[in-house]
C-alpha atoms as a PDB file:
ATOM      1  CA  ALA A   1       0.045   0.199  -0.175  1.00  0.00           C
ATOM      2  CA  VAL A   2       2.801   2.122   0.457  1.00  0.00           C
ATOM      3  CA  HIS A   3       5.411   1.465  -2.213  1.00  0.00           C
ATOM      4  CA  GLY A   4       4.326  -1.831  -3.915  1.00  0.00           C
ATOM      5  CA  HIS A   5       7.290  -3.609  -4.838  1.00  0.00           C
ATOM      6  CA  TRP A   6       9.712  -0.572  -5.047  1.00  0.00           C
ATOM      7  CA  SER A   7      12.550  -0.577  -2.439  1.00  0.00           C
ATOM      8  CA  CYS A   8      14.581   2.546  -1.598  1.00  0.00           C
ATOM      9  CA  ASP A   9      18.275   2.426  -2.053  1.00  0.00           C
ATOM     10  CA  ALA A  10      19.248   2.557   1.561  1.00  0.00           C
ATOM     11  CA  GLY A  11      17.230  -0.453   2.645  1.00  0.00           C
ATOM     12  CA  ARG A  12      17.990  -2.287  -0.427  1.00  0.00           C
ATOM     13  CA  TYR A  13      21.789  -1.940   0.147  1.00  0.00           C
ATOM     14  CA  ALA A  14      21.698  -2.105   3.949  1.00  0.00           C
ATOM     15  CA  SER A  15      22.380  -6.111   3.697  1.00  0.00           C
ATOM     16  CA  PRO A  16      26.447  -5.679   4.417  1.00  0.00           C
ATOM     17  CA  ALA A  17      25.372  -4.584   8.167  1.00  0.00           C
ATOM     18  CA  ILE A  18      23.179  -7.668   8.924  1.00  0.00           C
ATOM     19  CA  ALA A  19      26.777  -9.690   8.749  1.00  0.00           C
ATOM     20  CA  ALA A  20      28.885  -6.732   9.640  1.00  0.00           C
ATOM     21  CA  PRO A  21      32.284  -7.765  11.392  1.00  0.00           C
ATOM     22  CA  GLU A  22      31.160  -5.936  14.309  1.00  0.00           C
ATOM     23  CA  ARG A  23      28.231  -7.833  14.947  1.00  0.00           C
ATOM     24  CA  LEU A  24      27.663  -9.198  18.256  1.00  0.00           C
ATOM     25  CA  LYS A  25      27.714 -12.909  18.186  1.00  0.00           C
ATOM     26  CA  ALA A  26      27.525 -14.670  21.801  1.00  0.00           C
ATOM     27  CA  PRO A  27      26.542 -13.364  25.404  1.00  0.00           C
ATOM     28  CA  CYS A  28      29.547 -11.656  27.006  1.00  0.00           C
ATOM     29  CA  LEU A  29      30.113 -10.849  30.879  1.00  0.00           C
ATOM     30  CA  LYS A  30      32.447  -7.988  31.788  1.00  0.00           C
ATOM     31  CA  ARG A  31      35.133 -10.028  33.858  1.00  0.00           C
ATOM     32  CA  GLY A  32      37.967  -7.078  35.117  1.00  0.00           C
ATOM     33  CA  ALA A  33      38.585  -4.807  31.988  1.00  0.00           C
ATOM     34  CA  SER A  34      37.504  -7.364  29.037  1.00  0.00           C
ATOM     35  CA  HIS A  35      34.363  -8.759  28.003  1.00  0.00           C
ATOM     36  CA  GLN A  36      34.250 -12.814  28.150  1.00  0.00           C
ATOM     37  CA  ASP A  37      31.814 -15.195  26.146  1.00  0.00           C
ATOM     38  CA  ALA A  38      29.190 -16.478  28.321  1.00  0.00           C
ATOM     39  CA  SER A  39      26.243 -19.257  27.987  1.00  0.00           C
ATOM     40  CA  TRP A  40      22.779 -17.517  27.752  1.00  0.00           C
ATOM     41  CA  ILE A  41      21.569 -19.139  30.842  1.00  0.00           C
ATOM     42  CA  ASP A  42      24.458 -17.470  32.643  1.00  0.00           C
ATOM     43  CA  ALA A  43      24.245 -14.095  31.288  1.00  0.00           C
ATOM     44  CA  LEU A  44      20.481 -13.878  31.727  1.00  0.00           C
ATOM     45  CA  ARG A  45      20.751 -15.176  34.953  1.00  0.00           C
ATOM     46  CA  GLU A  46      23.522 -12.385  35.794  1.00  0.00           C
ATOM     47  CA  ALA A  47      21.574  -9.873  34.568  1.00  0.00           C
ATOM     48  CA  ALA A  48      18.286 -11.057  36.462  1.00  0.00           C
ATOM     49  CA  GLY A  49      20.350 -11.711  39.860  1.00  0.00           C
ATOM     50  CA  ALA A  50      21.154  -7.846  39.763  1.00  0.00           C
ATOM     51  CA  LEU A  51      18.029  -6.679  38.967  1.00  0.00           C
ATOM     52  CA  LYS A  52      16.707  -8.338  41.783  1.00  0.00           C
ATOM     53  CA  GLN A  53      19.426  -7.012  44.276  1.00  0.00           C
ATOM     54  CA  ILE A  54      18.560  -3.707  43.155  1.00  0.00           C
ATOM     55  CA  LEU A  55      14.934  -3.674  43.388  1.00  0.00           C
ATOM     56  CA  ALA A  56      15.419  -5.148  46.757  1.00  0.00           C
ATOM     57  CA  ARG A  57      17.631  -2.500  47.991  1.00  0.00           C
ATOM     58  CA  HIS A  58      16.444   0.498  46.022  1.00  0.00           C
ATOM     59  CA  GLY A  59      12.861  -0.414  44.263  1.00  0.00           C
ATOM     60  CA  PRO A  60      11.865   0.512  41.203  1.00  0.00           C
ATOM     61  CA  GLN A  61      13.106   4.170  41.139  1.00  0.00           C
ATOM     62  CA  GLY A  62      16.559   2.297  41.004  1.00  0.00           C
ATOM     63  CA  VAL A  63      16.075   0.785  37.589  1.00  0.00           C
ATOM     64  CA  ALA A  64      15.848   2.552  34.436  1.00  0.00           C
ATOM     65  CA  LEU A  65      15.342   1.458  30.730  1.00  0.00           C
ATOM     66  CA  LEU A  66      16.240   2.804  27.514  1.00  0.00           C
ATOM     67  CA  VAL A  67      14.156   1.229  24.451  1.00  0.00           C
ATOM     68  CA  SER A  68      14.441   1.844  21.186  1.00  0.00           C
ATOM     69  CA  PRO A  69      12.028   2.677  17.885  1.00  0.00           C
ATOM     70  CA  GLN A  70      14.392  -0.107  16.481  1.00  0.00           C
ATOM     71  CA  MET A  71      12.366  -2.790  18.116  1.00  0.00           C
ATOM     72  CA  SER A  72       8.889  -4.306  16.878  1.00  0.00           C
ATOM     73  CA  ASN A  73       5.560  -3.757  18.140  1.00  0.00           C
ATOM     74  CA  GLU A  74       5.673  -7.189  19.526  1.00  0.00           C
ATOM     75  CA  GLU A  75       8.916  -6.897  21.612  1.00  0.00           C
ATOM     76  CA  LEU A  76       7.986  -3.467  23.110  1.00  0.00           C
ATOM     77  CA  PHE A  77       4.804  -4.899  24.035  1.00  0.00           C
ATOM     78  CA  LEU A  78       6.731  -7.632  25.858  1.00  0.00           C
ATOM     79  CA  VAL A  79       8.673  -4.657  27.722  1.00  0.00           C
ATOM     80  CA  ARG A  80       5.997  -2.793  28.411  1.00  0.00           C
ATOM     81  CA  GLY A  81       4.287  -6.268  30.381  1.00  0.00           C
ATOM     82  CA  MET A  82       7.488  -7.108  32.041  1.00  0.00           C
ATOM     83  CA  PHE A  83       9.115  -3.722  33.011  1.00  0.00           C
ATOM     84  CA  ARG A  84       6.197  -1.109  33.264  1.00  0.00           C
ATOM     85  CA  GLU A  85       3.463  -3.497  34.595  1.00  0.00           C
ATOM     86  CA  GLN A  86       4.890  -5.993  36.285  1.00  0.00           C
ATOM     87  CA  LEU A  87       7.980  -4.660  37.946  1.00  0.00           C
ATOM     88  CA  ARG A  88       6.606  -1.174  38.055  1.00  0.00           C
ATOM     89  CA  ILE A  89       9.397   0.782  36.627  1.00  0.00           C
ATOM     90  CA  GLY A  90       8.830   4.259  35.496  1.00  0.00           C
ATOM     91  CA  ASN A  91      12.346   5.354  34.435  1.00  0.00           C
ATOM     92  CA  ILE A  92      11.985   4.216  30.787  1.00  0.00           C
ATOM     93  CA  GLY A  93      13.538   6.388  28.076  1.00  0.00           C
ATOM     94  CA  GLY A  94      13.654   6.006  24.188  1.00  0.00           C
ATOM     95  CA  ILE A  95      13.255   8.911  22.317  1.00  0.00           C
ATOM     96  CA  VAL A  96      16.165  10.883  20.613  1.00  0.00           C
ATOM     97  CA  PRO A  97      16.001  13.664  18.180  1.00  0.00           C
ATOM     98  CA  PRO A  98      16.927  12.392  14.533  1.00  0.00           C
ATOM     99  CA  ASP A  99      20.211  12.593  13.256  1.00  0.00           C
ATOM    100  CA  PRO A 100      20.111  16.141  11.731  1.00  0.00           C
ATOM    101  CA  GLY A 101      22.999  15.112   9.292  1.00  0.00           C
ATOM    102  CA  ALA A 102      20.465  12.119   7.836  1.00  0.00           C
ATOM    103  CA  TYR A 103      19.487  12.782   4.377  1.00  0.00           C
ATOM    104  CA  ALA A 104      16.074  13.747   3.883  1.00  0.00           C
ATOM    105  CA  ASP A 105      13.913  15.041   1.090  1.00  0.00           C
ATOM    106  CA  ASP A 106      10.783  16.399   2.756  1.00  0.00           C
ATOM    107  CA  PHE A 107       8.830  13.958   0.351  1.00  0.00           C
ATOM    108  CA  LEU A 108       9.170  10.101   0.771  1.00  0.00           C
ATOM    109  CA  ILE A 109      12.588  10.453   3.024  1.00  0.00           C
ATOM    110  CA  THR A 110      12.673  11.692   6.543  1.00  0.00           C
ATOM    111  CA  SER A 111      15.936  12.309   8.909  1.00  0.00           C
ATOM    112  CA  ASP A 112      14.208   9.587  11.293  1.00  0.00           C
ATOM    113  CA  LYS A 113      15.499   6.348  10.196  1.00  0.00           C
ATOM    114  CA  ASN A 114      13.841   4.581  13.031  1.00  0.00           C
ATOM    115  CA  PRO A 115      11.139   2.022  11.728  1.00  0.00           C
ATOM    116  CA  ASN A 116       8.941   2.127  14.762  1.00  0.00           C
ATOM    117  CA  ARG A 117       8.675   5.549  16.650  1.00  0.00           C
ATOM    118  CA  ARG A 118       4.775   5.707  16.519  1.00  0.00           C
ATOM    119  CA  GLY A 119       4.900   2.096  17.678  1.00  0.00           C
ATOM    120  CA  LEU A 120       6.926   3.151  20.515  1.00  0.00           C
ATOM    121  CA  ALA A 121       4.487   6.153  21.176  1.00  0.00           C
ATOM    122  CA  ALA A 122       1.446   4.118  21.337  1.00  0.00           C
ATOM    123  CA  LEU A 123       2.578   0.974  23.233  1.00  0.00           C
ATOM    124  CA  LEU A 124       4.711   2.820  25.845  1.00  0.00           C
ATOM    125  CA  PRO A 125       3.010   6.167  26.237  1.00  0.00           C
ATOM    126  CA  GLY A 126       4.812   8.729  28.636  1.00  0.00           C
ATOM    127  CA  CYS A 127       8.389   6.927  27.340  1.00  0.00           C
ATOM    128  CA  GLY A 128      10.396  10.100  27.874  1.00  0.00           C
ATOM    129  CA  ASP A 129      13.544  11.536  26.399  1.00  0.00           C
ATOM    130  CA  VAL A 130      16.992   9.758  26.538  1.00  0.00           C
ATOM    131  CA  GLU A 131      18.691  12.694  28.336  1.00  0.00           C
ATOM    132  CA  PRO A 132      16.876  12.702  31.596  1.00  0.00           C
ATOM    133  CA  VAL A 133      17.802   8.804  31.985  1.00  0.00           C
ATOM    134  CA  LEU A 134      21.401   9.756  31.394  1.00  0.00           C
ATOM    135  CA  ARG A 135      21.541  12.502  33.570  1.00  0.00           C
ATOM    136  CA  ALA A 136      19.574  10.226  36.521  1.00  0.00           C
ATOM    137  CA  CYS A 137      22.561   7.703  35.813  1.00  0.00           C
ATOM    138  CA  ALA A 138      25.210  10.709  36.372  1.00  0.00           C
ATOM    139  CA  GLU A 139      23.733  11.726  39.418  1.00  0.00           C
ATOM    140  CA  GLY A 140      23.732   8.275  41.284  1.00  0.00           C
ATOM    141  CA  ARG A 141      20.106   7.691  40.894  1.00  0.00           C
ATOM    142  CA  ILE A 142      20.128   4.591  38.905  1.00  0.00           C
ATOM    143  CA  HIS A 143      21.880   1.548  39.650  1.00  0.00           C
ATOM    144  CA  PHE A 144      20.480  -0.879  37.173  1.00  0.00           C
ATOM    145  CA  LEU A 145      20.155   0.516  33.249  1.00  0.00           C
ATOM    146  CA  HIS A 146      19.020  -1.931  30.471  1.00  0.00           C
ATOM    147  CA  ILE A 147      19.591  -0.531  27.181  1.00  0.00           C
ATOM    148  CA  PHE A 148      18.298  -1.741  24.074  1.00  0.00           C
ATOM    149  CA  GLN A 149      19.875  -1.053  20.691  1.00  0.00           C
ATOM    150  CA  TYR A 150      21.187   2.247  21.284  1.00  0.00           C
ATOM    151  CA  ASP A 151      24.899   3.883  20.615  1.00  0.00           C
ATOM    152  CA  LEU A 152      24.296   6.722  22.996  1.00  0.00           C
ATOM    153  CA  THR A 153      27.630   8.189  21.814  1.00  0.00           C
ATOM    154  CA  ARG A 154      26.048   8.729  18.911  1.00  0.00           C
ATOM    155  CA  SER A 155      23.620  11.357  20.460  1.00  0.00           C
ATOM    156  CA  PHE A 156      25.785  12.633  23.381  1.00  0.00           C
ATOM    157  CA  GLU A 157      29.406  13.244  24.087  1.00  0.00           C
ATOM    158  CA  PRO A 158      31.193  10.240  24.566  1.00  0.00           C
ATOM    159  CA  ALA A 159      32.951  11.515  27.730  1.00  0.00           C
ATOM    160  CA  PHE A 160      29.201  12.474  29.282  1.00  0.00           C
ATOM    161  CA  VAL A 161      28.019   8.650  28.372  1.00  0.00           C
ATOM    162  CA  ARG A 162      31.320   7.118  30.184  1.00  0.00           C
ATOM    163  CA  GLU A 163      30.872   8.867  32.955  1.00  0.00           C
ATOM    164  CA  ALA A 164      26.946   8.365  33.397  1.00  0.00           C
ATOM    165  CA  LEU A 165      27.078   4.479  32.851  1.00  0.00           C
ATOM    166  CA  ASP A 166      30.608   4.585  35.032  1.00  0.00           C
ATOM    167  CA  ARG A 167      28.035   5.336  38.162  1.00  0.00           C
ATOM    168  CA  VAL A 168      25.635   2.500  37.253  1.00  0.00           C
ATOM    169  CA  GLU A 169      25.980  -0.799  39.253  1.00  0.00           C
ATOM    170  CA  CYS A 170      25.067  -2.802  36.339  1.00  0.00           C
ATOM    171  CA  VAL A 171      24.502  -1.694  32.926  1.00  0.00           C
ATOM    172  CA  VAL A 172      23.075  -4.558  30.545  1.00  0.00           C
ATOM    173  CA  PHE A 173      23.160  -3.988  26.547  1.00  0.00           C
ATOM    174  CA  GLN A 174      20.843  -5.851  24.305  1.00  0.00           C
ATOM    175  CA  GLY A 175      21.571  -4.924  20.644  1.00  0.00           C
ATOM    176  CA  SER A 176      23.253  -6.093  17.475  1.00  0.00           C
ATOM    177  CA  TRP A 177      26.119  -4.395  17.033  1.00  0.00           C
ATOM    178  CA  ASP A 178      29.436  -4.011  19.071  1.00  0.00           C
ATOM    179  CA  GLN A 179      29.783  -0.233  19.310  1.00  0.00           C
ATOM    180  CA  PRO A 180      30.822   2.037  21.958  1.00  0.00           C
ATOM    181  CA  THR A 181      28.086   1.974  24.358  1.00  0.00           C
ATOM    182  CA  ALA A 182      28.117  -2.024  24.249  1.00  0.00           C
ATOM    183  CA  ALA A 183      31.802  -1.772  25.554  1.00  0.00           C
ATOM    184  CA  LEU A 184      30.682   0.192  28.589  1.00  0.00           C
ATOM    185  CA  ALA A 185      28.116  -2.377  29.706  1.00  0.00           C
ATOM    186  CA  ASP A 186      28.647  -5.126  32.304  1.00  0.00           C
ATOM    187  CA  ILE A 187      26.248  -7.844  30.376  1.00  0.00           C
ATOM    188  CA  LEU A 188      26.226  -8.140  26.633  1.00  0.00           C
ATOM    189  CA  LEU A 189      22.726  -9.916  25.172  1.00  0.00           C
ATOM    190  CA  PRO A 190      23.284 -10.122  21.332  1.00  0.00           C
ATOM    191  CA  SER A 191      20.220  -9.638  19.839  1.00  0.00           C
ATOM    192  CA  ALA A 192      19.245 -10.449  16.093  1.00  0.00           C
ATOM    193  CA  VAL A 193      18.459  -7.759  13.342  1.00  0.00           C
ATOM    194  CA  TYR A 194      15.164  -7.199  11.596  1.00  0.00           C
ATOM    195  CA  ALA A 195      15.935  -9.572   8.811  1.00  0.00           C
ATOM    196  CA  GLU A 196      16.760 -12.440  11.470  1.00  0.00           C
ATOM    197  CA  LYS A 197      13.225 -12.147  12.976  1.00  0.00           C
ATOM    198  CA  GLU A 198       9.573 -11.489  12.068  1.00  0.00           C
ATOM    199  CA  GLY A 199       7.135  -8.975  13.639  1.00  0.00           C
ATOM    200  CA  THR A 200       5.478  -5.436  12.595  1.00  0.00           C
ATOM    201  CA  PHE A 201       6.584  -2.129  12.557  1.00  0.00           C
ATOM    202  CA  THR A 202       4.514   1.048  12.624  1.00  0.00           C
ATOM    203  CA  ASN A 203       5.599   3.625  10.104  1.00  0.00           C
ATOM    204  CA  LEU A 204       5.675   7.419  10.594  1.00  0.00           C
ATOM    205  CA  GLN A 205       2.159   7.563   9.081  1.00  0.00           C
ATOM    206  CA  GLY A 206       0.725   5.224  11.429  1.00  0.00           C
ATOM    207  CA  ARG A 207       0.457   1.947   9.444  1.00  0.00           C
ATOM    208  CA  VAL A 208       1.184  -1.376  10.866  1.00  0.00           C
ATOM    209  CA  GLN A 209       3.273  -3.331   8.510  1.00  0.00           C
ATOM    210  CA  ARG A 210       4.677  -6.815   8.592  1.00  0.00           C
ATOM    211  CA  PHE A 211       8.070  -7.696   8.240  1.00  0.00           C
ATOM    212  CA  ARG A 212       9.520 -11.542   7.863  1.00  0.00           C
ATOM    213  CA  ARG A 213      12.826 -13.235   8.507  1.00  0.00           C
ATOM    214  CA  ALA A 214      15.119 -14.023   5.788  1.00  0.00           C
ATOM    215  CA  VAL A 215      18.158 -15.515   7.530  1.00  0.00           C
ATOM    216  CA  ALA A 216      19.363 -17.288  10.442  1.00  0.00           C
ATOM    217  CA  PRO A 217      20.547 -15.381  13.270  1.00  0.00           C
ATOM    218  CA  LEU A 218      23.843 -14.690  12.965  1.00  0.00           C
ATOM    219  CA  GLY A 219      26.053 -16.934  15.590  1.00  0.00           C
ATOM    220  CA  GLU A 220      24.118 -17.169  19.176  1.00  0.00           C
ATOM    221  CA  SER A 221      22.056 -14.062  18.692  1.00  0.00           C
ATOM    222  CA  LEU A 222      18.538 -14.190  19.458  1.00  0.00           C
ATOM    223  CA  PRO A 223      15.300 -12.065  18.702  1.00  0.00           C
ATOM    224  CA  ASP A 224      14.874  -9.581  21.295  1.00  0.00           C
ATOM    225  CA  GLY A 225      11.375 -11.396  22.043  1.00  0.00           C
ATOM    226  CA  GLU A 226      13.154 -14.901  22.862  1.00  0.00           C
ATOM    227  CA  ILE A 227      15.606 -12.987  25.244  1.00  0.00           C
ATOM    228  CA  LEU A 228      13.001 -10.900  26.855  1.00  0.00           C
ATOM    229  CA  ARG A 229      11.169 -14.365  27.711  1.00  0.00           C
ATOM    230  CA  GLY A 230      14.320 -15.832  28.954  1.00  0.00           C
ATOM    231  CA  LEU A 231      14.735 -12.836  31.455  1.00  0.00           C
ATOM    232  CA  ALA A 232      11.224 -13.088  32.550  1.00  0.00           C
ATOM    233  CA  ARG A 233      11.640 -16.690  33.316  1.00  0.00           C
ATOM    234  CA  GLU A 234      14.779 -15.828  35.454  1.00  0.00           C
ATOM    235  CA  LEU A 235      12.578 -13.504  37.228  1.00  0.00           C
ATOM    236  CA  GLY A 236       9.462 -15.090  37.568  1.00  0.00           C
ATOM    237  CA  LEU A 237       7.133 -13.010  35.435  1.00  0.00           C
ATOM    238  CA  ASP A 238       4.843 -13.804  33.141  1.00  0.00           C
ATOM    239  CA  VAL A 239       5.215 -13.095  29.720  1.00  0.00           C
ATOM    240  CA  PRO A 240       2.673 -14.303  26.891  1.00  0.00           C
ATOM    241  CA  GLU A 241       3.530 -17.156  24.609  1.00  0.00           C
ATOM    242  CA  GLY A 242       3.415 -17.618  20.988  1.00  0.00           C
ATOM    243  CA  GLY A 243       5.126 -15.874  18.082  1.00  0.00           C
ATOM    244  CA  ALA A 244       4.316 -12.271  16.538  1.00  0.00           C
ATOM    245  CA  ALA A 245       0.994 -13.250  14.999  1.00  0.00           C
ATOM    246  CA  ALA A 246      -0.068 -14.395  18.717  1.00  0.00           C
ATOM    247  CA  LEU A 247       1.600 -11.302  20.450  1.00  0.00           C
ATOM    248  CA  LEU A 248      -0.148  -8.725  17.895  1.00  0.00           C
ATOM    249  CA  GLU A 249      -3.718 -10.192  18.377  1.00  0.00           C
ATOM    250  CA  ARG A 250      -3.028  -9.491  22.355  1.00  0.00           C
ATOM    251  CA  ILE A 251      -1.749  -6.116  21.061  1.00  0.00           C
ATOM    252  CA  GLY A 252      -4.930  -5.457  19.132  1.00  0.00           C
ATOM    253  CA  SER A 253      -7.160  -6.314  22.095  1.00  0.00           C
ATOM    254  CA  GLY A 254      -5.400  -4.321  24.789  1.00  0.00           C
ATOM    255  CA  VAL A 255      -4.072  -1.322  23.327  1.00  0.00           C
ATOM    256  CA  PRO A 256      -6.593   1.171  22.064  1.00  0.00           C
ATOM    257  CA  ALA A 257      -4.186   2.312  19.422  1.00  0.00           C
ATOM    258  CA  PHE A 258      -4.119  -1.190  17.834  1.00  0.00           C
ATOM    259  CA  ALA A 259      -7.594  -2.135  18.429  1.00  0.00           C
ATOM    260  CA  GLY A 260      -8.746  -5.039  16.336  1.00  0.00           C
ATOM    261  CA  ILE A 261      -5.241  -5.223  14.577  1.00  0.00           C
ATOM    262  CA  THR A 262      -4.170  -8.562  13.640  1.00  0.00           C
ATOM    263  CA  TRP A 263      -1.572 -10.504  11.690  1.00  0.00           C
ATOM    264  CA  GLN A 264      -4.348 -11.483   9.310  1.00  0.00           C
ATOM    265  CA  SER A 265      -5.740  -8.080   8.860  1.00  0.00           C
ATOM    266  CA  VAL A 266      -2.349  -6.324   8.166  1.00  0.00           C
ATOM    267  CA  GLY A 267      -1.746  -8.491   5.703  1.00  0.00           C
ATOM    268  CA  ASP A 268       0.717  -7.612   2.599  1.00  0.00           C
ATOM    269  CA  GLY A 269      -0.773  -4.018   2.740  1.00  0.00           C
ATOM    270  CA  GLY A 270      -0.302  -2.843   6.264  1.00  0.00           C
ATOM    271  CA  GLN A 271      -3.297  -1.410   8.335  1.00  0.00           C
ATOM    272  CA  LEU A 272      -3.608   2.158   9.891  1.00  0.00           C
ATOM    273  CA  LEU A 273      -3.836   2.536  13.669  1.00  0.00           C
ATOM    274  CA  GLN A 274      -7.299   3.252  15.062  1.00  0.00           C
ATOM    275  CA  THR A 275      -6.303   6.202  16.998  1.00  0.00           C
ATOM    276  CA  GLU A 276      -3.698   8.857  17.088  1.00  0.00           C
ATOM    277  CA  THR A 277      -0.888   8.686  19.243  1.00  0.00           C
END
């Protein structure tokens, strides 16, 4: 419904990034000054154990998340259920301004290269900017920080990011590429890229669109939904089972903006959100 068979050059030639040398390929734990490969069970248990300790000592106000509009609607729905609804964590940021240097033509191409900013706004209403969360870290008010996808040094001074994260007891980075922010984390959880999983994004018009897996996840990386479910099991949280279609059905029945939207109704042409976000 948006472009038929056509694909933009940026999307068509993005394939080298999918198998780039800097992809994170295995879970890692920081031991001393370096990261060492770990099993998924050890990495998730360490992350869950640290989170439980922080919650016991500081409560939900000592925990923060930085979610990403690179994540699918279904992944953001799991974050909503686990962290906001069950753990009552309110310090959730995810909004950064578009890169001012990014190409835009004021017609079809915008400077915002994130595929799911509208979905993030609908699924996590009230999700704030990234900067206040970083400042809370720098002030010593955040003791556990879970970062999804972001390389914070692209939007903030690297020295500020380093100083802020150094004051956090445990930093978890869940993402696809080894970059400066990942290097600062205590626990690395490698996630699959869009071409290695399935789900839906909501474009800037508010159109929910499906995407499907084209290749297997690189190395030991996993889709964000699988990582979140593994973490939920270690935390003793309830999460809905099923793949993207089952999760989208739950979203359609529980989130007003997605009312009536299902995997089948989205089809190949997409489906507009029901309300403005």
